[in-house]
Structures are given as structure tokens and as C-alpha cells.
Amino acid sequence: MKTSRTILWVTLFSIAFAFVEASVVVYLQAIYYPEGFSFPLRLMSSHHIGVELSRELATVIMLAAVGILAGKSRWQKFSYFLIAFGVWDIFYYVWLKLTLNWPATLFDWDILFLIPVPWIGPVIAPVLVSIVMIAGGLLMIRREEREGVFRTTRLMQLFALVGTAMILLSFLYDVDATLRFQMPKPYRYELLAAGLSCYVVVLSVIGLGSKPKR
């Protein structure tokens, strides 16, 4: 019961925080893309870039803080962070759809992150990654509750690292579109699929676990 309540509050925080993030984008679009967001990107003022970089760093710190406060063990803290981040990211797009009627489809391009260089990709990519993050967080919490402690193997950690690298590469490889303000090249869906496949393997192993002790 306590775990369910914690997950509920983490989820509610993430949904509300997503609206705060989306509201900032509403104002940024009014300044830089009054006719609607589209590529190629437009150059922001150096002051606004500094504020945006700081805001994104603060966002990650806040979501991590929620995980640290909600969880007890190291893996619980990480699990709640994954849930908070995933819910926040999905509802960020939900709120943008409700306030700006954007994105028109899940295949519209977006700026996903700015550190160290802008990450770009179709909206469906971070949404799928967020779903995997939420699933992973819930499975790890469930596994630890069943067994008293969560353990993973180096092989599974390797799968997770490889999956993360492939997904990040799909967001970061098109430097010309982000730093030279060009139209983006076709998105590398095969990298996204490969990265998500690695995570599916990891989630399957976590989900199976060992049988509850009698």
C-alpha cells in the first residue's frame, strides 16, 4: 500500500511539473516561432540559451531529487527517478498538445535536450523511451519488494549501456541540423529500435526474477 501511494505521488508531481515545463515552451514559441515550431532551428539570444541550459539542468536535478526522496535503497531511488522522468516527459507532450495543439503527430521533430549539444528527434522516440523507463522503474521496485533486494548482472548492465548509447546516438548524430541550423536528416530509427531492444532484454530479465519466497 505504501509503495502504491509513493508511486501515485511521484506520478502526480511529474504530471504537474510537466505542465510547468510545457508552459515555458509556450512562451518560447511565442518569441521564436510565432507561426509554429519547425526546422531549421532559429538562433536564440545568448542570454536565453544560458537560461535554457540552466533550466534543463534544474529539471534533471528536481526529478532526481524526487527519486532520492521517494526511495529507500539505491535501486529504489533510481527506480523512482526513472518513473518520474518518464511520466514527466510523456505529459510534457500531452500538455503541449492541449495548449499549443502541437505536435500534430508523434512523428513531428522536436528539440529534446540541449546538453552538451541539442538533441533532436521525432516525438515518438522520447515517448517510447519514457515508456520503457516507467516500465523499468516499476519492475525494479516490484523485484526488490519480492526478493528484499534488487541485484543485476554485469551483462544486463552492459545491455543497458549499449542500449543507452544507441538511443543517444540517434538523437545526437545530426550535428549539422542543430549547430548549423540546417534541415534534419532522416531519423535513424534503426538505432532507436536497437537501443530499445537492448532494454527489452533487460526488462524481461528483471520481470522474470526469482519466485517469491514462501
C-alpha atoms as a PDB file:
ATOM      1  CA  MET A   1       0.000   0.000   0.000  1.00  0.00           C
ATOM      2  CA  LYS A   2       2.813   2.418   0.932  1.00  0.00           C
ATOM      3  CA  THR A   3       4.626   1.729  -2.333  1.00  0.00           C
ATOM      4  CA  SER A   4       1.473   2.357  -4.366  1.00  0.00           C
ATOM      5  CA  ARG A   5       0.938   5.654  -2.545  1.00  0.00           C
ATOM      6  CA  THR A   6       4.523   6.710  -3.218  1.00  0.00           C
ATOM      7  CA  ILE A   7       4.215   5.866  -6.901  1.00  0.00           C
ATOM      8  CA  LEU A   8       0.971   7.877  -7.030  1.00  0.00           C
ATOM      9  CA  TRP A   9       2.575  10.979  -5.522  1.00  0.00           C
ATOM     10  CA  VAL A  10       5.647  10.697  -7.735  1.00  0.00           C
ATOM     11  CA  THR A  11       3.326  10.425 -10.735  1.00  0.00           C
ATOM     12  CA  LEU A  12       1.217  13.430  -9.694  1.00  0.00           C
ATOM     13  CA  PHE A  13       4.333  15.535  -9.134  1.00  0.00           C
ATOM     14  CA  SER A  14       5.684  14.569 -12.556  1.00  0.00           C
ATOM     15  CA  ILE A  15       2.408  15.419 -14.312  1.00  0.00           C
ATOM     16  CA  ALA A  16       2.243  18.829 -12.612  1.00  0.00           C
ATOM     17  CA  PHE A  17       5.923  19.515 -13.268  1.00  0.00           C
ATOM     18  CA  ALA A  18       5.396  18.635 -16.920  1.00  0.00           C
ATOM     19  CA  PHE A  19       2.844  21.439 -17.161  1.00  0.00           C
ATOM     20  CA  VAL A  20       5.367  23.907 -15.733  1.00  0.00           C
ATOM     21  CA  GLU A  21       7.880  22.830 -18.386  1.00  0.00           C
ATOM     22  CA  ALA A  22       5.298  22.985 -21.169  1.00  0.00           C
ATOM     23  CA  SER A  23       4.209  26.478 -20.123  1.00  0.00           C
ATOM     24  CA  VAL A  24       7.795  27.727 -20.567  1.00  0.00           C
ATOM     25  CA  VAL A  25       7.784  26.335 -24.102  1.00  0.00           C
ATOM     26  CA  VAL A  26       4.528  28.169 -24.814  1.00  0.00           C
ATOM     27  CA  TYR A  27       6.289  31.465 -24.149  1.00  0.00           C
ATOM     28  CA  LEU A  28       9.445  30.475 -26.017  1.00  0.00           C
ATOM     29  CA  GLN A  29       7.428  29.556 -29.073  1.00  0.00           C
ATOM     30  CA  ALA A  30       5.639  32.900 -28.956  1.00  0.00           C
ATOM     31  CA  ILE A  31       9.053  34.613 -29.034  1.00  0.00           C
ATOM     32  CA  TYR A  32      10.990  32.490 -31.524  1.00  0.00           C
ATOM     33  CA  TYR A  33       8.394  30.522 -33.510  1.00  0.00           C
ATOM     34  CA  PRO A  34       5.204  32.626 -33.533  1.00  0.00           C
ATOM     35  CA  GLU A  35       3.956  30.797 -36.635  1.00  0.00           C
ATOM     36  CA  GLY A  36       4.590  27.384 -35.050  1.00  0.00           C
ATOM     37  CA  PHE A  37       7.700  25.356 -34.258  1.00  0.00           C
ATOM     38  CA  SER A  38       9.554  23.883 -37.212  1.00  0.00           C
ATOM     39  CA  PHE A  39      13.040  23.193 -38.500  1.00  0.00           C
ATOM     40  CA  PRO A  40      15.544  24.632 -39.340  1.00  0.00           C
ATOM     41  CA  LEU A  41      16.204  25.927 -35.845  1.00  0.00           C
ATOM     42  CA  ARG A  42      16.475  29.618 -35.121  1.00  0.00           C
ATOM     43  CA  LEU A  43      19.334  31.196 -33.215  1.00  0.00           C
ATOM     44  CA  MET A  44      18.415  32.126 -29.649  1.00  0.00           C
ATOM     45  CA  SER A  45      19.976  35.009 -27.777  1.00  0.00           C
ATOM     46  CA  SER A  46      22.973  34.041 -25.675  1.00  0.00           C
ATOM     47  CA  HIS A  47      21.091  35.067 -22.530  1.00  0.00           C
ATOM     48  CA  HIS A  48      18.125  32.839 -23.356  1.00  0.00           C
ATOM     49  CA  ILE A  49      20.445  29.943 -24.209  1.00  0.00           C
ATOM     50  CA  GLY A  50      22.088  30.283 -20.807  1.00  0.00           C
ATOM     51  CA  VAL A  51      18.711  30.341 -19.081  1.00  0.00           C
ATOM     52  CA  GLU A  52      17.522  27.289 -21.037  1.00  0.00           C
ATOM     53  CA  LEU A  53      20.646  25.284 -20.236  1.00  0.00           C
ATOM     54  CA  SER A  54      20.234  26.131 -16.560  1.00  0.00           C
ATOM     55  CA  ARG A  55      16.536  25.260 -16.653  1.00  0.00           C
ATOM     56  CA  GLU A  56      17.216  21.849 -18.165  1.00  0.00           C
ATOM     57  CA  LEU A  57      19.895  21.126 -15.574  1.00  0.00           C
ATOM     58  CA  ALA A  58      17.467  22.198 -12.831  1.00  0.00           C
ATOM     59  CA  THR A  59      14.810  19.905 -14.318  1.00  0.00           C
ATOM     60  CA  VAL A  60      17.066  16.858 -14.087  1.00  0.00           C
ATOM     61  CA  ILE A  61      18.079  17.798 -10.530  1.00  0.00           C
ATOM     62  CA  MET A  62      14.431  18.128  -9.462  1.00  0.00           C
ATOM     63  CA  LEU A  63      13.441  14.782 -10.975  1.00  0.00           C
ATOM     64  CA  ALA A  64      16.473  13.122  -9.392  1.00  0.00           C
ATOM     65  CA  ALA A  65      15.598  14.709  -6.048  1.00  0.00           C
ATOM     66  CA  VAL A  66      12.111  13.206  -6.225  1.00  0.00           C
ATOM     67  CA  GLY A  67      13.633   9.769  -6.749  1.00  0.00           C
ATOM     68  CA  ILE A  68      16.074  10.237  -3.878  1.00  0.00           C
ATOM     69  CA  LEU A  69      13.327  11.371  -1.507  1.00  0.00           C
ATOM     70  CA  ALA A  70      10.847   8.689  -2.555  1.00  0.00           C
ATOM     71  CA  GLY A  71      13.140   5.660  -2.467  1.00  0.00           C
ATOM     72  CA  LYS A  72      14.958   3.992   0.392  1.00  0.00           C
ATOM     73  CA  SER A  73      17.586   1.826  -1.250  1.00  0.00           C
ATOM     74  CA  ARG A  74      19.896   2.868  -4.055  1.00  0.00           C
ATOM     75  CA  TRP A  75      17.879   0.976  -6.656  1.00  0.00           C
ATOM     76  CA  GLN A  76      14.576   2.296  -5.347  1.00  0.00           C
ATOM     77  CA  LYS A  77      15.828   5.859  -5.668  1.00  0.00           C
ATOM     78  CA  PHE A  78      16.911   5.160  -9.238  1.00  0.00           C
ATOM     79  CA  SER A  79      13.597   3.439  -9.993  1.00  0.00           C
ATOM     80  CA  TYR A  80      11.518   6.370  -8.773  1.00  0.00           C
ATOM     81  CA  PHE A  81      13.716   8.720 -10.810  1.00  0.00           C
ATOM     82  CA  LEU A  82      13.006   6.642 -13.922  1.00  0.00           C
ATOM     83  CA  ILE A  83       9.265   6.741 -13.230  1.00  0.00           C
ATOM     84  CA  ALA A  84       9.303  10.483 -12.555  1.00  0.00           C
ATOM     85  CA  PHE A  85      11.316  11.235 -15.691  1.00  0.00           C
ATOM     86  CA  GLY A  86       9.191   9.011 -17.913  1.00  0.00           C
ATOM     87  CA  VAL A  87       5.856  10.383 -16.682  1.00  0.00           C
ATOM     88  CA  TRP A  88       7.152  13.956 -16.861  1.00  0.00           C
ATOM     89  CA  ASP A  89       8.367  13.540 -20.445  1.00  0.00           C
ATOM     90  CA  ILE A  90       5.142  11.961 -21.714  1.00  0.00           C
ATOM     91  CA  PHE A  91       2.891  14.524 -20.060  1.00  0.00           C
ATOM     92  CA  TYR A  92       5.119  17.333 -21.279  1.00  0.00           C
ATOM     93  CA  TYR A  93       3.903  16.461 -24.776  1.00  0.00           C
ATOM     94  CA  VAL A  94       0.346  15.937 -23.550  1.00  0.00           C
ATOM     95  CA  TRP A  95       0.298  19.481 -22.153  1.00  0.00           C
ATOM     96  CA  LEU A  96       1.880  20.909 -25.323  1.00  0.00           C
ATOM     97  CA  LYS A  97      -0.840  19.223 -27.358  1.00  0.00           C
ATOM     98  CA  LEU A  98      -3.541  20.701 -25.135  1.00  0.00           C
ATOM     99  CA  THR A  99      -2.045  24.216 -25.019  1.00  0.00           C
ATOM    100  CA  LEU A 100      -0.499  24.606 -28.476  1.00  0.00           C
ATOM    101  CA  ASN A 101      -2.107  21.763 -30.422  1.00  0.00           C
ATOM    102  CA  TRP A 102       1.437  20.555 -31.063  1.00  0.00           C
ATOM    103  CA  PRO A 103       2.779  18.083 -32.041  1.00  0.00           C
ATOM    104  CA  ALA A 104       0.419  17.388 -34.899  1.00  0.00           C
ATOM    105  CA  THR A 105       1.646  13.788 -34.970  1.00  0.00           C
ATOM    106  CA  LEU A 106       4.093  11.691 -32.972  1.00  0.00           C
ATOM    107  CA  PHE A 107       6.481  11.910 -35.909  1.00  0.00           C
ATOM    108  CA  ASP A 108       6.964  15.687 -35.678  1.00  0.00           C
ATOM    109  CA  TRP A 109      10.555  16.696 -34.911  1.00  0.00           C
ATOM    110  CA  ASP A 110      11.452  18.299 -31.603  1.00  0.00           C
ATOM    111  CA  ILE A 111      14.424  19.592 -29.648  1.00  0.00           C
ATOM    112  CA  LEU A 112      14.742  17.018 -26.886  1.00  0.00           C
ATOM    113  CA  PHE A 113      17.624  18.339 -24.804  1.00  0.00           C
ATOM    114  CA  LEU A 114      20.381  20.941 -25.075  1.00  0.00           C
ATOM    115  CA  ILE A 115      23.322  19.493 -23.122  1.00  0.00           C
ATOM    116  CA  PRO A 116      26.058  19.230 -24.407  1.00  0.00           C
ATOM    117  CA  VAL A 117      24.603  19.968 -27.860  1.00  0.00           C
ATOM    118  CA  PRO A 118      20.940  19.985 -28.916  1.00  0.00           C
ATOM    119  CA  TRP A 119      19.342  16.540 -29.157  1.00  0.00           C
ATOM    120  CA  ILE A 120      16.709  16.201 -31.860  1.00  0.00           C
ATOM    121  CA  GLY A 121      14.314  13.505 -32.973  1.00  0.00           C
ATOM    122  CA  PRO A 122      10.666  12.728 -33.663  1.00  0.00           C
ATOM    123  CA  VAL A 123       8.382  12.960 -30.645  1.00  0.00           C
ATOM    124  CA  ILE A 124       7.655   9.241 -30.768  1.00  0.00           C
ATOM    125  CA  ALA A 125      11.285   8.470 -29.869  1.00  0.00           C
ATOM    126  CA  PRO A 126      11.388  10.073 -26.391  1.00  0.00           C
ATOM    127  CA  VAL A 127       7.843   8.856 -25.721  1.00  0.00           C
ATOM    128  CA  LEU A 128       8.873   5.240 -26.369  1.00  0.00           C
ATOM    129  CA  VAL A 129      11.993   5.681 -24.255  1.00  0.00           C
ATOM    130  CA  SER A 130       9.859   7.150 -21.459  1.00  0.00           C
ATOM    131  CA  ILE A 131       7.502   4.179 -21.546  1.00  0.00           C
ATOM    132  CA  VAL A 132      10.496   1.867 -21.172  1.00  0.00           C
ATOM    133  CA  MET A 133      11.817   3.981 -18.285  1.00  0.00           C
ATOM    134  CA  ILE A 134       8.496   3.782 -16.440  1.00  0.00           C
ATOM    135  CA  ALA A 135       8.270   0.033 -17.020  1.00  0.00           C
ATOM    136  CA  GLY A 136      11.838  -0.434 -15.818  1.00  0.00           C
ATOM    137  CA  GLY A 137      11.264   1.587 -12.688  1.00  0.00           C
ATOM    138  CA  LEU A 138       8.093  -0.307 -11.778  1.00  0.00           C
ATOM    139  CA  LEU A 139       9.698  -3.691 -12.431  1.00  0.00           C
ATOM    140  CA  MET A 140      12.736  -2.908 -10.294  1.00  0.00           C
ATOM    141  CA  ILE A 141      10.547  -1.765  -7.404  1.00  0.00           C
ATOM    142  CA  ARG A 142       8.419  -4.903  -7.711  1.00  0.00           C
ATOM    143  CA  ARG A 143      11.505  -7.123  -7.903  1.00  0.00           C
ATOM    144  CA  GLU A 144      13.012  -5.579  -4.779  1.00  0.00           C
ATOM    145  CA  GLU A 145       9.736  -5.938  -2.896  1.00  0.00           C
ATOM    146  CA  ARG A 146       9.543  -9.618  -3.835  1.00  0.00           C
ATOM    147  CA  GLU A 147      13.133 -10.516  -3.023  1.00  0.00           C
ATOM    148  CA  GLY A 148      14.071  -7.957  -0.389  1.00  0.00           C
ATOM    149  CA  VAL A 149      16.952  -6.683  -2.516  1.00  0.00           C
ATOM    150  CA  PHE A 150      17.476  -5.910  -6.190  1.00  0.00           C
ATOM    151  CA  ARG A 151      20.530  -7.294  -7.927  1.00  0.00           C
ATOM    152  CA  THR A 152      21.621  -7.114 -11.518  1.00  0.00           C
ATOM    153  CA  THR A 153      24.429  -8.680 -13.521  1.00  0.00           C
ATOM    154  CA  ARG A 154      27.225  -7.017 -15.415  1.00  0.00           C
ATOM    155  CA  LEU A 155      25.818  -8.472 -18.613  1.00  0.00           C
ATOM    156  CA  MET A 156      22.489  -6.741 -18.043  1.00  0.00           C
ATOM    157  CA  GLN A 157      24.300  -3.520 -17.172  1.00  0.00           C
ATOM    158  CA  LEU A 158      26.217  -3.849 -20.434  1.00  0.00           C
ATOM    159  CA  PHE A 159      22.968  -4.317 -22.355  1.00  0.00           C
ATOM    160  CA  ALA A 160      21.571  -1.186 -20.709  1.00  0.00           C
ATOM    161  CA  LEU A 161      24.686   0.852 -21.524  1.00  0.00           C
ATOM    162  CA  VAL A 162      24.725  -0.286 -25.149  1.00  0.00           C
ATOM    163  CA  GLY A 163      21.017   0.475 -25.467  1.00  0.00           C
ATOM    164  CA  THR A 164      21.522   3.935 -23.986  1.00  0.00           C
ATOM    165  CA  ALA A 165      24.447   4.652 -26.326  1.00  0.00           C
ATOM    166  CA  MET A 166      22.447   3.670 -29.417  1.00  0.00           C
ATOM    167  CA  ILE A 167      19.478   5.812 -28.429  1.00  0.00           C
ATOM    168  CA  LEU A 168      21.675   8.804 -27.627  1.00  0.00           C
ATOM    169  CA  LEU A 169      23.473   8.398 -30.948  1.00  0.00           C
ATOM    170  CA  SER A 170      20.133   8.541 -32.770  1.00  0.00           C
ATOM    171  CA  PHE A 171      19.478  11.909 -31.078  1.00  0.00           C
ATOM    172  CA  LEU A 172      22.949  13.407 -31.454  1.00  0.00           C
ATOM    173  CA  TYR A 173      24.424  12.242 -34.749  1.00  0.00           C
ATOM    174  CA  ASP A 174      22.938  15.026 -36.920  1.00  0.00           C
ATOM    175  CA  VAL A 175      25.142  17.884 -35.731  1.00  0.00           C
ATOM    176  CA  ASP A 176      24.560  19.979 -38.860  1.00  0.00           C
ATOM    177  CA  ALA A 177      20.855  20.298 -38.111  1.00  0.00           C
ATOM    178  CA  THR A 178      21.498  21.543 -34.573  1.00  0.00           C
ATOM    179  CA  LEU A 179      24.664  23.618 -34.775  1.00  0.00           C
ATOM    180  CA  ARG A 180      24.475  24.821 -38.379  1.00  0.00           C
ATOM    181  CA  PHE A 181      20.717  25.362 -38.439  1.00  0.00           C
ATOM    182  CA  GLN A 182      20.003  23.006 -41.324  1.00  0.00           C
ATOM    183  CA  MET A 183      17.060  20.730 -42.006  1.00  0.00           C
ATOM    184  CA  PRO A 184      17.467  17.420 -40.165  1.00  0.00           C
ATOM    185  CA  LYS A 185      18.466  14.274 -41.968  1.00  0.00           C
ATOM    186  CA  PRO A 186      16.116  11.262 -41.830  1.00  0.00           C
ATOM    187  CA  TYR A 187      15.950   9.971 -38.285  1.00  0.00           C
ATOM    188  CA  ARG A 188      17.898   6.791 -37.557  1.00  0.00           C
ATOM    189  CA  TYR A 189      15.005   4.628 -36.417  1.00  0.00           C
ATOM    190  CA  GLU A 190      17.193   1.541 -36.624  1.00  0.00           C
ATOM    191  CA  LEU A 191      19.375   2.915 -33.813  1.00  0.00           C
ATOM    192  CA  LEU A 192      16.305   3.621 -31.702  1.00  0.00           C
ATOM    193  CA  ALA A 193      14.955   0.121 -32.355  1.00  0.00           C
ATOM    194  CA  ALA A 194      18.279  -1.495 -31.487  1.00  0.00           C
ATOM    195  CA  GLY A 195      18.557   0.515 -28.276  1.00  0.00           C
ATOM    196  CA  LEU A 196      15.006  -0.270 -27.215  1.00  0.00           C
ATOM    197  CA  SER A 197      15.597  -3.953 -27.994  1.00  0.00           C
ATOM    198  CA  CYS A 198      18.503  -3.984 -25.540  1.00  0.00           C
ATOM    199  CA  TYR A 199      16.211  -2.561 -22.897  1.00  0.00           C
ATOM    200  CA  VAL A 200      13.503  -5.096 -23.649  1.00  0.00           C
ATOM    201  CA  VAL A 201      16.026  -7.843 -22.900  1.00  0.00           C
ATOM    202  CA  VAL A 202      16.948  -6.172 -19.602  1.00  0.00           C
ATOM    203  CA  LEU A 203      13.303  -5.623 -18.614  1.00  0.00           C
ATOM    204  CA  SER A 204      12.465  -9.220 -19.441  1.00  0.00           C
ATOM    205  CA  VAL A 205      15.213 -10.465 -17.129  1.00  0.00           C
ATOM    206  CA  ILE A 206      14.137  -8.080 -14.366  1.00  0.00           C
ATOM    207  CA  GLY A 207      10.495  -9.043 -14.767  1.00  0.00           C
ATOM    208  CA  LEU A 208      11.182 -12.756 -14.556  1.00  0.00           C
ATOM    209  CA  GLY A 209      13.332 -12.542 -11.449  1.00  0.00           C
ATOM    210  CA  SER A 210      13.080 -15.339  -8.964  1.00  0.00           C
ATOM    211  CA  LYS A 211       9.934 -16.711  -7.433  1.00  0.00           C
ATOM    212  CA  PRO A 212       8.698 -15.131  -4.210  1.00  0.00           C
ATOM    213  CA  LYS A 213       9.954 -16.815  -1.061  1.00  0.00           C
ATOM    214  CA  ARG A 214       7.379 -18.732   0.927  1.00  0.00           C
END
